[in-house]
Amino acid sequence: MDVTIRSYGDVRERLDATVVRSVDPGTTVGELVDALDAEVDGSLVGDHPRAALLVLRNGTNVDHLDGFDTVLADGDVVGLSGSAMPE
């Protein structure tokens, strides 16, 4: 299944603005982020903790869903941005 990833802010420095990735059914947001971290050889948010990563699935902050355990579905749009105020 395919998901579209849109990057903003600091994340855009490490990842193209919009990319489409094929993922296996049942893939979680956390697994996607882990794969993208490996792809950029480090972290999408640089030296900041993972908590500094703002993740949206179809416009909803995943913190209001199941967090990084949120399961992705075919056609989802995932937005990634460094938090405006990293911890």
Protein backbone atom coordinates (compact mmCIF):
# COMPACT_ATOMS: atom_id res chain seq x y z
CA MET A 1 0.00 0.00 0.00
CA ASP A 2 1.15 3.57 -0.62
CA VAL A 3 1.37 6.52 1.75
CA THR A 4 2.32 10.08 0.85
CA ILE A 5 4.84 11.79 3.10
CA ARG A 6 4.98 15.58 3.23
CA SER A 7 7.86 17.16 5.09
CA TYR A 8 8.04 20.63 6.56
CA GLY A 9 10.53 22.76 8.49
CA ASP A 10 13.71 21.05 9.63
CA VAL A 11 12.56 17.69 8.31
CA ARG A 12 12.50 19.07 4.76
CA GLU A 13 16.26 19.62 5.03
CA ARG A 14 16.66 15.83 5.30
CA LEU A 15 13.78 14.54 3.18
CA ASP A 16 12.16 15.65 -0.07
CA ALA A 17 9.09 17.87 0.30
CA THR A 18 6.69 15.18 -0.91
CA VAL A 19 7.42 11.50 -1.43
CA VAL A 20 5.29 8.41 -1.88
CA ARG A 21 6.39 5.23 -0.12
CA SER A 22 5.08 1.70 -0.34
CA VAL A 23 4.60 0.13 3.08
CA ASP A 24 3.24 -3.20 4.25
CA PRO A 25 -0.31 -3.40 5.60
CA GLY A 26 -0.25 -2.89 9.37
CA THR A 27 2.76 -0.55 9.27
CA THR A 28 2.69 1.98 12.10
CA VAL A 29 3.75 5.60 12.11
CA GLY A 30 6.68 4.63 14.33
CA GLU A 31 7.86 2.00 11.88
CA LEU A 32 7.62 4.50 9.03
CA VAL A 33 9.61 7.08 11.00
CA ASP A 34 12.24 4.43 11.88
CA ALA A 35 12.60 3.57 8.18
CA LEU A 36 12.89 7.23 7.20
CA ASP A 37 15.44 7.86 9.98
CA ALA A 38 17.57 5.03 8.57
CA GLU A 39 17.16 6.44 5.07
CA VAL A 40 18.56 9.83 6.11
CA ASP A 41 21.31 8.10 8.10
CA GLY A 42 20.37 9.50 11.46
CA SER A 43 17.27 11.31 12.55
CA LEU A 44 14.62 13.35 10.79
CA VAL A 45 14.87 15.91 13.59
CA GLY A 46 18.64 16.03 13.87
CA ASP A 47 19.95 16.23 17.43
CA HIS A 48 16.50 16.75 18.97
CA PRO A 49 14.65 13.89 20.68
CA ARG A 50 12.00 12.01 18.73
CA ALA A 51 9.37 13.80 20.81
CA ALA A 52 10.32 16.92 18.85
CA LEU A 53 8.84 15.36 15.69
CA LEU A 54 5.31 16.54 14.91
CA VAL A 55 3.47 13.84 12.97
CA LEU A 56 0.08 14.25 11.29
CA ARG A 57 -1.94 11.48 9.66
CA ASN A 58 -4.50 12.89 7.26
CA GLY A 59 -4.29 16.23 9.08
CA THR A 60 -4.71 14.84 12.62
CA ASN A 61 -1.86 14.92 15.10
CA VAL A 62 -1.04 11.28 15.88
CA ASP A 63 -0.84 12.24 19.56
CA HIS A 64 -4.65 12.37 19.37
CA LEU A 65 -4.75 8.90 17.80
CA ASP A 66 -2.45 6.06 18.94
CA GLY A 67 0.76 8.07 18.79
CA PHE A 68 3.61 6.28 17.04
CA ASP A 69 1.53 3.08 17.25
CA THR A 70 -1.03 4.57 14.83
CA VAL A 71 -1.54 2.09 11.99
CA LEU A 72 -1.31 3.51 8.49
CA ALA A 73 -3.82 2.80 5.73
CA ASP A 74 -3.50 2.86 1.96
CA GLY A 75 -3.64 6.44 0.68
CA ASP A 76 -2.83 8.09 4.02
CA VAL A 77 -0.98 11.39 3.95
CA VAL A 78 1.64 11.71 6.68
CA GLY A 79 2.96 15.17 7.54
CA LEU A 80 6.32 15.44 9.32
CA SER A 81 7.78 18.55 10.90
CA GLY A 82 10.23 19.43 13.61
CA SER A 83 8.37 20.80 16.59
CA ALA A 84 8.35 24.57 16.87
CA MET A 85 9.65 24.18 20.43
CA PRO A 86 11.73 21.00 20.75
CA GLU A 87 12.40 19.77 24.26
